[in-house]
N, C-alpha and C. Protein backbone atom coordinates (compact mmCIF):
# COMPACT_ATOMS: atom_id res chain seq x y z
N MET A 1 96.02 128.56 54.88
CA MET A 1 94.96 127.60 55.08
C MET A 1 94.40 127.08 53.76
N LEU A 2 94.55 127.86 52.73
CA LEU A 2 94.03 127.44 51.43
C LEU A 2 94.72 126.17 50.96
N TYR A 3 96.05 126.12 51.08
CA TYR A 3 96.79 124.95 50.63
C TYR A 3 96.45 123.72 51.47
N LEU A 4 96.27 123.93 52.77
CA LEU A 4 95.91 122.81 53.64
C LEU A 4 94.54 122.26 53.27
N SER A 5 93.59 123.13 53.02
CA SER A 5 92.25 122.66 52.66
C SER A 5 92.26 121.93 51.32
N ILE A 6 93.01 122.44 50.36
CA ILE A 6 93.11 121.76 49.07
C ILE A 6 93.77 120.40 49.23
N PHE A 7 94.85 120.35 50.02
CA PHE A 7 95.53 119.08 50.26
C PHE A 7 94.61 118.07 50.92
N MET A 8 93.83 118.50 51.91
CA MET A 8 92.94 117.58 52.61
C MET A 8 91.85 117.05 51.68
N MET A 9 91.31 117.90 50.82
CA MET A 9 90.28 117.44 49.90
C MET A 9 90.86 116.49 48.85
N VAL A 10 92.06 116.78 48.37
CA VAL A 10 92.70 115.90 47.40
C VAL A 10 93.04 114.56 48.04
N TYR A 11 93.51 114.58 49.28
CA TYR A 11 93.83 113.34 49.99
C TYR A 11 92.57 112.50 50.23
N GLY A 12 91.48 113.15 50.58
CA GLY A 12 90.22 112.43 50.75
C GLY A 12 89.76 111.81 49.45
N ALA A 13 89.88 112.54 48.36
CA ALA A 13 89.50 111.99 47.05
C ALA A 13 90.43 110.84 46.68
N PHE A 14 91.71 110.95 47.00
CA PHE A 14 92.66 109.88 46.73
C PHE A 14 92.29 108.61 47.50
N LEU A 15 91.87 108.78 48.75
CA LEU A 15 91.46 107.61 49.53
C LEU A 15 90.23 106.94 48.92
N LEU A 16 89.29 107.74 48.44
CA LEU A 16 88.10 107.15 47.82
C LEU A 16 88.45 106.42 46.52
N VAL A 17 89.32 107.02 45.71
CA VAL A 17 89.73 106.37 44.46
C VAL A 17 90.53 105.10 44.77
N GLY A 18 91.40 105.17 45.76
CA GLY A 18 92.17 104.00 46.16
C GLY A 18 91.30 102.88 46.68
N LEU A 19 90.22 103.24 47.35
CA LEU A 19 89.28 102.23 47.82
C LEU A 19 88.55 101.59 46.65
N LEU A 20 88.10 102.40 45.71
CA LEU A 20 87.36 101.87 44.57
C LEU A 20 88.23 101.00 43.66
N LEU A 21 89.48 101.42 43.45
CA LEU A 21 90.37 100.69 42.54
C LEU A 21 91.24 99.66 43.26
N GLN A 22 91.13 99.58 44.58
CA GLN A 22 91.88 98.63 45.40
C GLN A 22 93.39 98.71 45.12
N PHE A 23 93.96 99.90 45.29
CA PHE A 23 95.39 100.09 45.09
C PHE A 23 96.17 99.14 46.00
N PRO A 24 97.14 98.40 45.46
CA PRO A 24 97.87 97.44 46.29
C PRO A 24 98.69 98.09 47.40
N PHE A 25 99.20 99.31 47.17
CA PHE A 25 100.02 99.93 48.22
C PHE A 25 99.17 100.41 49.40
N LEU A 26 97.85 100.48 49.25
CA LEU A 26 97.00 100.81 50.40
C LEU A 26 96.70 99.57 51.24
N TYR A 27 96.79 98.40 50.65
CA TYR A 27 96.39 97.17 51.35
C TYR A 27 97.57 96.26 51.70
N ASN A 28 98.74 96.45 51.10
CA ASN A 28 99.83 95.51 51.31
C ASN A 28 100.97 96.02 52.18
N ASN A 29 100.84 97.20 52.78
CA ASN A 29 101.91 97.61 53.68
C ASN A 29 101.66 97.05 55.08
N MET A 30 102.65 97.13 55.94
CA MET A 30 102.59 96.46 57.24
C MET A 30 101.48 97.01 58.13
N LYS A 31 101.31 98.32 58.16
CA LYS A 31 100.28 98.90 59.02
C LYS A 31 98.88 98.54 58.54
N SER A 32 98.69 98.55 57.25
CA SER A 32 97.38 98.19 56.70
C SER A 32 97.06 96.73 56.96
N LYS A 33 98.06 95.86 56.81
CA LYS A 33 97.84 94.44 57.08
C LYS A 33 97.46 94.21 58.54
N ALA A 34 98.09 94.97 59.45
CA ALA A 34 97.75 94.84 60.87
C ALA A 34 96.32 95.31 61.13
N MET A 35 95.93 96.42 60.50
CA MET A 35 94.56 96.92 60.67
C MET A 35 93.55 95.95 60.07
N ILE A 36 93.86 95.38 58.90
CA ILE A 36 92.95 94.42 58.27
C ILE A 36 92.83 93.17 59.13
N LYS A 37 93.93 92.77 59.76
CA LYS A 37 93.89 91.60 60.63
C LYS A 37 93.01 91.87 61.86
N MET A 38 93.06 93.11 62.37
CA MET A 38 92.27 93.45 63.55
C MET A 38 90.79 93.59 63.23
N MET A 39 90.45 94.31 62.15
CA MET A 39 89.04 94.65 61.91
C MET A 39 88.45 94.01 60.67
N GLY A 40 89.21 93.27 59.93
CA GLY A 40 88.72 92.64 58.72
C GLY A 40 88.77 93.61 57.55
N LYS A 41 88.68 93.06 56.35
CA LYS A 41 88.80 93.91 55.16
C LYS A 41 87.60 94.84 55.02
N LYS A 42 86.41 94.36 55.37
CA LYS A 42 85.22 95.21 55.29
C LYS A 42 85.32 96.37 56.28
N GLY A 43 85.77 96.10 57.47
CA GLY A 43 85.96 97.15 58.47
C GLY A 43 87.01 98.15 58.04
N PHE A 44 88.08 97.67 57.42
CA PHE A 44 89.13 98.56 56.93
C PHE A 44 88.59 99.45 55.82
N ASN A 45 87.77 98.88 54.92
CA ASN A 45 87.18 99.68 53.85
C ASN A 45 86.24 100.74 54.41
N ILE A 46 85.47 100.39 55.43
CA ILE A 46 84.58 101.36 56.07
C ILE A 46 85.40 102.48 56.71
N MET A 47 86.51 102.11 57.35
CA MET A 47 87.37 103.13 57.95
C MET A 47 87.94 104.07 56.89
N LEU A 48 88.32 103.53 55.72
CA LEU A 48 88.83 104.38 54.65
C LEU A 48 87.77 105.35 54.14
N VAL A 49 86.54 104.88 54.02
CA VAL A 49 85.45 105.76 53.57
C VAL A 49 85.22 106.86 54.59
N ILE A 50 85.19 106.51 55.86
CA ILE A 50 84.96 107.52 56.91
C ILE A 50 86.09 108.54 56.91
N LEU A 51 87.34 108.08 56.83
CA LEU A 51 88.48 109.00 56.79
C LEU A 51 88.42 109.91 55.57
N ALA A 52 88.05 109.37 54.42
CA ALA A 52 87.97 110.16 53.20
C ALA A 52 86.92 111.25 53.33
N VAL A 53 85.76 110.89 53.85
CA VAL A 53 84.69 111.88 54.01
C VAL A 53 85.08 112.94 55.03
N VAL A 54 85.72 112.53 56.11
CA VAL A 54 86.16 113.49 57.13
C VAL A 54 87.17 114.47 56.53
N PHE A 55 88.15 113.97 55.78
CA PHE A 55 89.14 114.85 55.18
C PHE A 55 88.50 115.82 54.19
N ILE A 56 87.58 115.34 53.38
CA ILE A 56 86.93 116.21 52.40
C ILE A 56 86.09 117.28 53.10
N VAL A 57 85.33 116.89 54.12
CA VAL A 57 84.47 117.85 54.83
C VAL A 57 85.31 118.88 55.57
N ILE A 58 86.34 118.45 56.28
CA ILE A 58 87.18 119.41 57.02
C ILE A 58 87.90 120.34 56.03
N GLY A 59 88.36 119.79 54.91
CA GLY A 59 89.01 120.63 53.91
C GLY A 59 88.04 121.67 53.36
N TYR A 60 86.79 121.30 53.19
CA TYR A 60 85.80 122.24 52.68
C TYR A 60 85.46 123.29 53.73
N ILE A 61 85.40 122.89 55.00
CA ILE A 61 85.04 123.82 56.07
C ILE A 61 86.11 124.87 56.27
N ILE A 62 87.38 124.48 56.24
CA ILE A 62 88.44 125.45 56.53
C ILE A 62 88.85 126.27 55.31
N MET A 63 88.26 125.98 54.16
CA MET A 63 88.57 126.77 52.96
C MET A 63 88.07 128.20 53.15
N PRO A 64 88.95 129.18 52.88
CA PRO A 64 88.52 130.59 53.08
C PRO A 64 87.50 131.05 52.06
């Protein structure tokens, strides 16, 4: 469980950094373009923040 919690926290931090720096591979792939088309770029950014916080919190909770 330790490795899973570390991975989840690192992934959450990666999502936050990717949101702040606007990494092109987060916004230019087919699935992201479909999500942006459905909910708009602001909605997609909000979803990324929520996912990042959820991953970080769950990673912290399951850490032994």
